[in-house]
């Protein structure tokens, strides 16, 4: 998910364009490579 910060900005752009108010809410990441057990 290393490209997600940029994708968030692109999602925001679409929301603004259509008349919405975007808010980013971080949530649990659950990266398969690192999480144990």
ModelCIF file with pLDDT and N, C-alpha, C, O atoms, coordinates in Angstrom:
data_MODEL
#
_entry.id   MODEL 
#
_entity.id                         1 
_entity.type                       polymer 
_entity.pdbx_number_of_molecules   1 
#
_entity_poly.entity_id                      1 
_entity_poly.type                           'polypeptide(L)' 
_entity_poly.nstd_linkage                   no 
_entity_poly.nstd_monomer                   no 
_entity_poly.pdbx_seq_one_letter_code       
;(UNK)(UNK)(UNK)(UNK)(UNK)(UNK)(UNK)(UNK)(UNK)(UNK)(UNK)(UNK)(UNK)(UNK)(UNK)(UNK)
(UNK)(UNK)(UNK)(UNK)(UNK)(UNK)(UNK)(UNK)(UNK)(UNK)(UNK)(UNK)(UNK)(UNK)(UNK)(UNK)
(UNK)(UNK)(UNK)(UNK)(UNK)
;
_entity_poly.pdbx_seq_one_letter_code_can   XXXXXXXXXXXXXXXXXXXXXXXXXXXXXXXXXXXXX 
_entity_poly.pdbx_strand_id                 A 
#
loop_
_entity_poly_seq.entity_id 
_entity_poly_seq.num 
_entity_poly_seq.mon_id 
_entity_poly_seq.hetero 
1 1  UNK n 
1 2  UNK n 
1 3  UNK n 
1 4  UNK n 
1 5  UNK n 
1 6  UNK n 
1 7  UNK n 
1 8  UNK n 
1 9  UNK n 
1 10 UNK n 
1 11 UNK n 
1 12 UNK n 
1 13 UNK n 
1 14 UNK n 
1 15 UNK n 
1 16 UNK n 
1 17 UNK n 
1 18 UNK n 
1 19 UNK n 
1 20 UNK n 
1 21 UNK n 
1 22 UNK n 
1 23 UNK n 
1 24 UNK n 
1 25 UNK n 
1 26 UNK n 
1 27 UNK n 
1 28 UNK n 
1 29 UNK n 
1 30 UNK n 
1 31 UNK n 
1 32 UNK n 
1 33 UNK n 
1 34 UNK n 
1 35 UNK n 
1 36 UNK n 
1 37 UNK n 
#
_struct_asym.id          A 
_struct_asym.entity_id   1 
#
loop_
_ma_qa_metric.id 
_ma_qa_metric.mode 
_ma_qa_metric.name 
_ma_qa_metric.software_group_id 
_ma_qa_metric.type 
1 global pLDDT . pLDDT 
2 local  pLDDT . pLDDT 
#
_ma_qa_metric_global.metric_id      1 
_ma_qa_metric_global.metric_value   96.57 
_ma_qa_metric_global.model_id       1 
_ma_qa_metric_global.ordinal_id     1 
#
loop_
_ma_qa_metric_local.label_asym_id 
_ma_qa_metric_local.label_comp_id 
_ma_qa_metric_local.label_seq_id 
_ma_qa_metric_local.metric_id 
_ma_qa_metric_local.metric_value 
_ma_qa_metric_local.model_id 
_ma_qa_metric_local.ordinal_id 
A UNK 1  2 97.00 1 1  
A UNK 2  2 97.00 1 2  
A UNK 3  2 98.00 1 3  
A UNK 4  2 98.00 1 4  
A UNK 5  2 98.00 1 5  
A UNK 6  2 98.00 1 6  
A UNK 7  2 98.00 1 7  
A UNK 8  2 98.00 1 8  
A UNK 9  2 98.00 1 9  
A UNK 10 2 98.00 1 10 
A UNK 11 2 98.00 1 11 
A UNK 12 2 98.00 1 12 
A UNK 13 2 98.00 1 13 
A UNK 14 2 98.00 1 14 
A UNK 15 2 98.00 1 15 
A UNK 16 2 98.00 1 16 
A UNK 17 2 98.00 1 17 
A UNK 18 2 98.00 1 18 
A UNK 19 2 97.00 1 19 
A UNK 20 2 98.00 1 20 
A UNK 21 2 97.00 1 21 
A UNK 22 2 98.00 1 22 
A UNK 23 2 98.00 1 23 
A UNK 24 2 98.00 1 24 
A UNK 25 2 97.00 1 25 
A UNK 26 2 96.00 1 26 
A UNK 27 2 97.00 1 27 
A UNK 28 2 96.00 1 28 
A UNK 29 2 96.00 1 29 
A UNK 30 2 95.00 1 30 
A UNK 31 2 93.00 1 31 
A UNK 32 2 93.00 1 32 
A UNK 33 2 91.00 1 33 
A UNK 34 2 93.00 1 34 
A UNK 35 2 94.00 1 35 
A UNK 36 2 92.00 1 36 
A UNK 37 2 92.00 1 37 
#
loop_
_atom_site.group_PDB 
_atom_site.id 
_atom_site.type_symbol 
_atom_site.label_atom_id 
_atom_site.label_alt_id 
_atom_site.label_comp_id 
_atom_site.label_asym_id 
_atom_site.label_entity_id 
_atom_site.label_seq_id 
_atom_site.pdbx_PDB_ins_code 
_atom_site.Cartn_x 
_atom_site.Cartn_y 
_atom_site.Cartn_z 
_atom_site.occupancy 
_atom_site.B_iso_or_equiv 
_atom_site.pdbx_formal_charge 
_atom_site.auth_seq_id 
_atom_site.auth_comp_id 
_atom_site.auth_asym_id 
_atom_site.auth_atom_id 
_atom_site.pdbx_PDB_model_num 
ATOM 1   N N  . UNK A 1 1  ? 0.810   -1.214  0.000  1.00 97.00 ? 1  UNK A N  1 
ATOM 2   C CA . UNK A 1 1  ? 0.000   0.000   0.000  1.00 97.00 ? 1  UNK A CA 1 
ATOM 3   C C  . UNK A 1 1  ? 0.848   1.270   0.000  1.00 97.00 ? 1  UNK A C  1 
ATOM 4   O O  . UNK A 1 1  ? 0.366   2.329   0.404  1.00 97.00 ? 1  UNK A O  1 
ATOM 5   N N  . UNK A 1 2  ? 2.092   1.184   -0.443 1.00 97.00 ? 2  UNK A N  1 
ATOM 6   C CA . UNK A 1 2  ? 2.976   2.343   -0.363 1.00 97.00 ? 2  UNK A CA 1 
ATOM 7   C C  . UNK A 1 2  ? 2.512   3.516   -1.222 1.00 97.00 ? 2  UNK A C  1 
ATOM 8   O O  . UNK A 1 2  ? 2.919   4.652   -0.979 1.00 97.00 ? 2  UNK A O  1 
ATOM 9   N N  . UNK A 1 3  ? 1.677   3.264   -2.210 1.00 98.00 ? 3  UNK A N  1 
ATOM 10  C CA . UNK A 1 3  ? 1.176   4.325   -3.088 1.00 98.00 ? 3  UNK A CA 1 
ATOM 11  C C  . UNK A 1 3  ? -0.116  4.959   -2.578 1.00 98.00 ? 3  UNK A C  1 
ATOM 12  O O  . UNK A 1 3  ? -0.645  5.863   -3.225 1.00 98.00 ? 3  UNK A O  1 
ATOM 13  N N  . UNK A 1 4  ? -0.629  4.516   -1.454 1.00 98.00 ? 4  UNK A N  1 
ATOM 14  C CA . UNK A 1 4  ? -1.924  5.007   -0.983 1.00 98.00 ? 4  UNK A CA 1 
ATOM 15  C C  . UNK A 1 4  ? -1.949  6.490   -0.624 1.00 98.00 ? 4  UNK A C  1 
ATOM 16  O O  . UNK A 1 4  ? -2.963  7.137   -0.883 1.00 98.00 ? 4  UNK A O  1 
ATOM 17  N N  . UNK A 1 5  ? -0.889  7.074   -0.038 1.00 98.00 ? 5  UNK A N  1 
ATOM 18  C CA . UNK A 1 5  ? -0.981  8.521   0.223  1.00 98.00 ? 5  UNK A CA 1 
ATOM 19  C C  . UNK A 1 5  ? -1.299  9.331   -1.025 1.00 98.00 ? 5  UNK A C  1 
ATOM 20  O O  . UNK A 1 5  ? -2.066  10.291  -0.962 1.00 98.00 ? 5  UNK A O  1 
ATOM 21  N N  . UNK A 1 6  ? -0.713  8.950   -2.164 1.00 98.00 ? 6  UNK A N  1 
ATOM 22  C CA . UNK A 1 6  ? -1.029  9.654   -3.398 1.00 98.00 ? 6  UNK A CA 1 
ATOM 23  C C  . UNK A 1 6  ? -2.445  9.336   -3.877 1.00 98.00 ? 6  UNK A C  1 
ATOM 24  O O  . UNK A 1 6  ? -3.150  10.222  -4.360 1.00 98.00 ? 6  UNK A O  1 
ATOM 25  N N  . UNK A 1 7  ? -2.862  8.084   -3.746 1.00 98.00 ? 7  UNK A N  1 
ATOM 26  C CA . UNK A 1 7  ? -4.217  7.729   -4.169 1.00 98.00 ? 7  UNK A CA 1 
ATOM 27  C C  . UNK A 1 7  ? -5.267  8.480   -3.333 1.00 98.00 ? 7  UNK A C  1 
ATOM 28  O O  . UNK A 1 7  ? -6.325  8.843   -3.848 1.00 98.00 ? 7  UNK A O  1 
ATOM 29  N N  . UNK A 1 8  ? -4.982  8.706   -2.072 1.00 98.00 ? 8  UNK A N  1 
ATOM 30  C CA . UNK A 1 8  ? -5.914  9.455   -1.223 1.00 98.00 ? 8  UNK A CA 1 
ATOM 31  C C  . UNK A 1 8  ? -6.149  10.844  -1.794 1.00 98.00 ? 8  UNK A C  1 
ATOM 32  O O  . UNK A 1 8  ? -7.284  11.320  -1.831 1.00 98.00 ? 8  UNK A O  1 
ATOM 33  N N  . UNK A 1 9  ? -5.079  11.497  -2.241 1.00 98.00 ? 9  UNK A N  1 
ATOM 34  C CA . UNK A 1 9  ? -5.235  12.832  -2.825 1.00 98.00 ? 9  UNK A CA 1 
ATOM 35  C C  . UNK A 1 9  ? -6.075  12.782  -4.095 1.00 98.00 ? 9  UNK A C  1 
ATOM 36  O O  . UNK A 1 9  ? -6.847  13.700  -4.374 1.00 98.00 ? 9  UNK A O  1 
ATOM 37  N N  . UNK A 1 10 ? -5.922  11.710  -4.858 1.00 98.00 ? 10 UNK A N  1 
ATOM 38  C CA . UNK A 1 10 ? -6.697  11.579  -6.100 1.00 98.00 ? 10 UNK A CA 1 
ATOM 39  C C  . UNK A 1 10 ? -8.164  11.276  -5.801 1.00 98.00 ? 10 UNK A C  1 
ATOM 40  O O  . UNK A 1 10 ? -9.051  11.745  -6.514 1.00 98.00 ? 10 UNK A O  1 
ATOM 41  N N  . UNK A 1 11 ? -8.422  10.503  -4.762 1.00 98.00 ? 11 UNK A N  1 
ATOM 42  C CA . UNK A 1 11 ? -9.804  10.257  -4.339 1.00 98.00 ? 11 UNK A CA 1 
ATOM 43  C C  . UNK A 1 11 ? -10.433 11.558  -3.846 1.00 98.00 ? 11 UNK A C  1 
ATOM 44  O O  . UNK A 1 11 ? -11.578 11.867  -4.176 1.00 98.00 ? 11 UNK A O  1 
ATOM 45  N N  . UNK A 1 12 ? -9.680  12.312  -3.058 1.00 98.00 ? 12 UNK A N  1 
ATOM 46  C CA . UNK A 1 12 ? -10.176 13.609  -2.569 1.00 98.00 ? 12 UNK A CA 1 
ATOM 47  C C  . UNK A 1 12 ? -10.570 14.513  -3.734 1.00 98.00 ? 12 UNK A C  1 
ATOM 48  O O  . UNK A 1 12 ? -11.609 15.172  -3.703 1.00 98.00 ? 12 UNK A O  1 
ATOM 49  N N  . UNK A 1 13 ? -9.721  14.530  -4.760 1.00 98.00 ? 13 UNK A N  1 
ATOM 50  C CA . UNK A 1 13 ? -9.990  15.374  -5.924 1.00 98.00 ? 13 UNK A CA 1 
ATOM 51  C C  . UNK A 1 13 ? -11.354 15.052  -6.523 1.00 98.00 ? 13 UNK A C  1 
ATOM 52  O O  . UNK A 1 13 ? -12.128 15.952  -6.847 1.00 98.00 ? 13 UNK A O  1 
ATOM 53  N N  . UNK A 1 14 ? -11.642 13.753  -6.666 1.00 98.00 ? 14 UNK A N  1 
ATOM 54  C CA . UNK A 1 14 ? -12.933 13.362  -7.211 1.00 98.00 ? 14 UNK A CA 1 
ATOM 55  C C  . UNK A 1 14 ? -14.091 13.750  -6.301 1.00 98.00 ? 14 UNK A C  1 
ATOM 56  O O  . UNK A 1 14 ? -15.143 14.176  -6.778 1.00 98.00 ? 14 UNK A O  1 
ATOM 57  N N  . UNK A 1 15 ? -13.902 13.604  -5.005 1.00 98.00 ? 15 UNK A N  1 
ATOM 58  C CA . UNK A 1 15 ? -14.972 13.962  -4.055 1.00 98.00 ? 15 UNK A CA 1 
ATOM 59  C C  . UNK A 1 15 ? -15.250 15.458  -4.107 1.00 98.00 ? 15 UNK A C  1 
ATOM 60  O O  . UNK A 1 15 ? -16.408 15.874  -4.156 1.00 98.00 ? 15 UNK A O  1 
ATOM 61  N N  . UNK A 1 16 ? -14.181 16.281  -4.096 1.00 98.00 ? 16 UNK A N  1 
ATOM 62  C CA . UNK A 1 16 ? -14.379 17.725  -4.197 1.00 98.00 ? 16 UNK A CA 1 
ATOM 63  C C  . UNK A 1 16 ? -15.100 18.083  -5.497 1.00 98.00 ? 16 UNK A C  1 
ATOM 64  O O  . UNK A 1 16 ? -16.018 18.903  -5.501 1.00 98.00 ? 16 UNK A O  1 
ATOM 65  N N  . UNK A 1 17 ? -14.677 17.463  -6.595 1.00 98.00 ? 17 UNK A N  1 
ATOM 66  C CA . UNK A 1 17 ? -15.266 17.791  -7.889 1.00 98.00 ? 17 UNK A CA 1 
ATOM 67  C C  . UNK A 1 17 ? -16.769 17.542  -7.924 1.00 98.00 ? 17 UNK A C  1 
ATOM 68  O O  . UNK A 1 17 ? -17.511 18.265  -8.587 1.00 98.00 ? 17 UNK A O  1 
ATOM 69  N N  . UNK A 1 18 ? -17.213 16.504  -7.198 1.00 98.00 ? 18 UNK A N  1 
ATOM 70  C CA . UNK A 1 18 ? -18.627 16.140  -7.240 1.00 98.00 ? 18 UNK A CA 1 
ATOM 71  C C  . UNK A 1 18 ? -19.418 16.809  -6.118 1.00 98.00 ? 18 UNK A C  1 
ATOM 72  O O  . UNK A 1 18 ? -20.610 16.548  -5.959 1.00 98.00 ? 18 UNK A O  1 
ATOM 73  N N  . UNK A 1 19 ? -18.763 17.667  -5.345 1.00 97.00 ? 19 UNK A N  1 
ATOM 74  C CA . UNK A 1 19 ? -19.492 18.425  -4.329 1.00 97.00 ? 19 UNK A CA 1 
ATOM 75  C C  . UNK A 1 19 ? -19.559 17.762  -2.979 1.00 97.00 ? 19 UNK A C  1 
ATOM 76  O O  . UNK A 1 19 ? -20.482 18.033  -2.210 1.00 97.00 ? 19 UNK A O  1 
ATOM 77  N N  . UNK A 1 20 ? -18.614 16.903  -2.663 1.00 98.00 ? 20 UNK A N  1 
ATOM 78  C CA . UNK A 1 20 ? -18.562 16.283  -1.346 1.00 98.00 ? 20 UNK A CA 1 
ATOM 79  C C  . UNK A 1 20 ? -17.455 16.877  -0.494 1.00 98.00 ? 20 UNK A C  1 
ATOM 80  O O  . UNK A 1 20 ? -16.642 17.668  -0.974 1.00 98.00 ? 20 UNK A O  1 
ATOM 81  N N  . UNK A 1 21 ? -17.430 16.495  0.759  1.00 97.00 ? 21 UNK A N  1 
ATOM 82  C CA . UNK A 1 21 ? -16.410 16.947  1.702  1.00 97.00 ? 21 UNK A CA 1 
ATOM 83  C C  . UNK A 1 21 ? -15.619 15.727  2.174  1.00 97.00 ? 21 UNK A C  1 
ATOM 84  O O  . UNK A 1 21 ? -16.128 14.947  2.979  1.00 97.00 ? 21 UNK A O  1 
ATOM 85  N N  . UNK A 1 22 ? -14.373 15.542  1.686  1.00 98.00 ? 22 UNK A N  1 
ATOM 86  C CA . UNK A 1 22 ? -13.612 14.334  2.012  1.00 98.00 ? 22 UNK A CA 1 
ATOM 87  C C  . UNK A 1 22 ? -12.906 14.426  3.369  1.00 98.00 ? 22 UNK A C  1 
ATOM 88  O O  . UNK A 1 22 ? -12.347 15.465  3.722  1.00 98.00 ? 22 UNK A O  1 
ATOM 89  N N  . UNK A 1 23 ? -12.941 13.343  4.107  1.00 98.00 ? 23 UNK A N  1 
ATOM 90  C CA . UNK A 1 23 ? -12.215 13.253  5.370  1.00 98.00 ? 23 UNK A CA 1 
ATOM 91  C C  . UNK A 1 23 ? -11.508 11.898  5.424  1.00 98.00 ? 23 UNK A C  1 
ATOM 92  O O  . UNK A 1 23 ? -12.132 10.860  5.203  1.00 98.00 ? 23 UNK A O  1 
ATOM 93  N N  . UNK A 1 24 ? -10.218 11.911  5.716  1.00 98.00 ? 24 UNK A N  1 
ATOM 94  C CA . UNK A 1 24 ? -9.425  10.687  5.752  1.00 98.00 ? 24 UNK A CA 1 
ATOM 95  C C  . UNK A 1 24 ? -9.440  10.113  7.159  1.00 98.00 ? 24 UNK A C  1 
ATOM 96  O O  . UNK A 1 24 ? -9.174  10.824  8.128  1.00 98.00 ? 24 UNK A O  1 
ATOM 97  N N  . UNK A 1 25 ? -9.749  8.832   7.273  1.00 97.00 ? 25 UNK A N  1 
ATOM 98  C CA . UNK A 1 25 ? -9.822  8.146   8.553  1.00 97.00 ? 25 UNK A CA 1 
ATOM 99  C C  . UNK A 1 25 ? -8.873  6.944   8.505  1.00 97.00 ? 25 UNK A C  1 
ATOM 100 O O  . UNK A 1 25 ? -9.183  5.952   7.845  1.00 97.00 ? 25 UNK A O  1 
ATOM 101 N N  . UNK A 1 26 ? -7.738  7.010   9.182  1.00 96.00 ? 26 UNK A N  1 
ATOM 102 C CA . UNK A 1 26 ? -6.830  5.851   9.187  1.00 96.00 ? 26 UNK A CA 1 
ATOM 103 C C  . UNK A 1 26 ? -7.423  4.691   9.970  1.00 96.00 ? 26 UNK A C  1 
ATOM 104 O O  . UNK A 1 26 ? -8.096  4.888   10.982 1.00 96.00 ? 26 UNK A O  1 
ATOM 105 N N  . UNK A 1 27 ? -7.168  3.486   9.492  1.00 97.00 ? 27 UNK A N  1 
ATOM 106 C CA . UNK A 1 27 ? -7.664  2.300   10.176 1.00 97.00 ? 27 UNK A CA 1 
ATOM 107 C C  . UNK A 1 27 ? -6.584  1.225   10.163 1.00 97.00 ? 27 UNK A C  1 
ATOM 108 O O  . UNK A 1 27 ? -5.521  1.413   9.571  1.00 97.00 ? 27 UNK A O  1 
ATOM 109 N N  . UNK A 1 28 ? -6.856  0.110   10.809 1.00 96.00 ? 28 UNK A N  1 
ATOM 110 C CA . UNK A 1 28 ? -5.875  -0.960  10.959 1.00 96.00 ? 28 UNK A CA 1 
ATOM 111 C C  . UNK A 1 28 ? -5.379  -1.426  9.591  1.00 96.00 ? 28 UNK A C  1 
ATOM 112 O O  . UNK A 1 28 ? -6.182  -1.646  8.684  1.00 96.00 ? 28 UNK A O  1 
ATOM 113 N N  . UNK A 1 29 ? -4.071  -1.575  9.437  1.00 96.00 ? 29 UNK A N  1 
ATOM 114 C CA . UNK A 1 29 ? -3.511  -1.840  8.118  1.00 96.00 ? 29 UNK A CA 1 
ATOM 115 C C  . UNK A 1 29 ? -3.435  -3.334  7.778  1.00 96.00 ? 29 UNK A C  1 
ATOM 116 O O  . UNK A 1 29 ? -3.719  -3.703  6.638  1.00 96.00 ? 29 UNK A O  1 
ATOM 117 N N  . UNK A 1 30 ? -3.072  -4.180  8.698  1.00 95.00 ? 30 UNK A N  1 
ATOM 118 C CA . UNK A 1 30 ? -3.004  -5.630  8.499  1.00 95.00 ? 30 UNK A CA 1 
ATOM 119 C C  . UNK A 1 30 ? -2.139  -6.003  7.295  1.00 95.00 ? 30 UNK A C  1 
ATOM 120 O O  . UNK A 1 30 ? -2.587  -6.712  6.393  1.00 95.00 ? 30 UNK A O  1 
ATOM 121 N N  . UNK A 1 31 ? -0.906  -5.521  7.290  1.00 93.00 ? 31 UNK A N  1 
ATOM 122 C CA . UNK A 1 31 ? 0.027   -5.870  6.220  1.00 93.00 ? 31 UNK A CA 1 
ATOM 123 C C  . UNK A 1 31 ? 0.447   -7.331  6.311  1.00 93.00 ? 31 UNK A C  1 
ATOM 124 O O  . UNK A 1 31 ? 1.002   -7.764  7.321  1.00 93.00 ? 31 UNK A O  1 
ATOM 125 N N  . UNK A 1 32 ? 0.182   -8.076  5.269  1.00 93.00 ? 32 UNK A N  1 
ATOM 126 C CA . UNK A 1 32 ? 0.372   -9.530  5.288  1.00 93.00 ? 32 UNK A CA 1 
ATOM 127 C C  . UNK A 1 32 ? 1.813   -9.932  5.585  1.00 93.00 ? 32 UNK A C  1 
ATOM 128 O O  . UNK A 1 32 ? 2.052   -10.944 6.243  1.00 93.00 ? 32 UNK A O  1 
ATOM 129 N N  . UNK A 1 33 ? 2.756   -9.160  5.114  1.00 91.00 ? 33 UNK A N  1 
ATOM 130 C CA . UNK A 1 33 ? 4.164   -9.535  5.226  1.00 91.00 ? 33 UNK A CA 1 
ATOM 131 C C  . UNK A 1 33 ? 4.680   -9.487  6.661  1.00 91.00 ? 33 UNK A C  1 
ATOM 132 O O  . UNK A 1 33 ? 5.569   -10.258 7.022  1.00 91.00 ? 33 UNK A O  1 
ATOM 133 N N  . UNK A 1 34 ? 4.142   -8.603  7.469  1.00 93.00 ? 34 UNK A N  1 
ATOM 134 C CA . UNK A 1 34 ? 4.758   -8.304  8.759  1.00 93.00 ? 34 UNK A CA 1 
ATOM 135 C C  . UNK A 1 34 ? 3.964   -8.746  9.986  1.00 93.00 ? 34 UNK A C  1 
ATOM 136 O O  . UNK A 1 34 ? 4.543   -8.929  11.057 1.00 93.00 ? 34 UNK A O  1 
ATOM 137 N N  . UNK A 1 35 ? 2.659   -8.918  9.850  1.00 94.00 ? 35 UNK A N  1 
ATOM 138 C CA . UNK A 1 35 ? 1.812   -9.110  11.030 1.00 94.00 ? 35 UNK A CA 1 
ATOM 139 C C  . UNK A 1 35 ? 1.908   -10.538 11.560 1.00 94.00 ? 35 UNK A C  1 
ATOM 140 O O  . UNK A 1 35 ? 1.818   -11.496 10.792 1.00 94.00 ? 35 UNK A O  1 
ATOM 141 N N  . UNK A 1 36 ? 2.090   -10.677 12.862 1.00 92.00 ? 36 UNK A N  1 
ATOM 142 C CA . UNK A 1 36 ? 2.089   -11.966 13.543 1.00 92.00 ? 36 UNK A CA 1 
ATOM 143 C C  . UNK A 1 36 ? 1.081   -11.918 14.690 1.00 92.00 ? 36 UNK A C  1 
ATOM 144 O O  . UNK A 1 36 ? 0.808   -10.838 15.213 1.00 92.00 ? 36 UNK A O  1 
ATOM 145 N N  . UNK A 1 37 ? 0.520   -13.067 15.095 1.00 92.00 ? 37 UNK A N  1 
ATOM 146 C CA . UNK A 1 37 ? 0.789   -14.406 14.574 1.00 92.00 ? 37 UNK A CA 1 
ATOM 147 C C  . UNK A 1 37 ? 0.041   -14.715 13.283 1.00 92.00 ? 37 UNK A C  1 
ATOM 148 O O  . UNK A 1 37 ? 0.178   -15.810 12.737 1.00 92.00 ? 37 UNK A O  1 
#
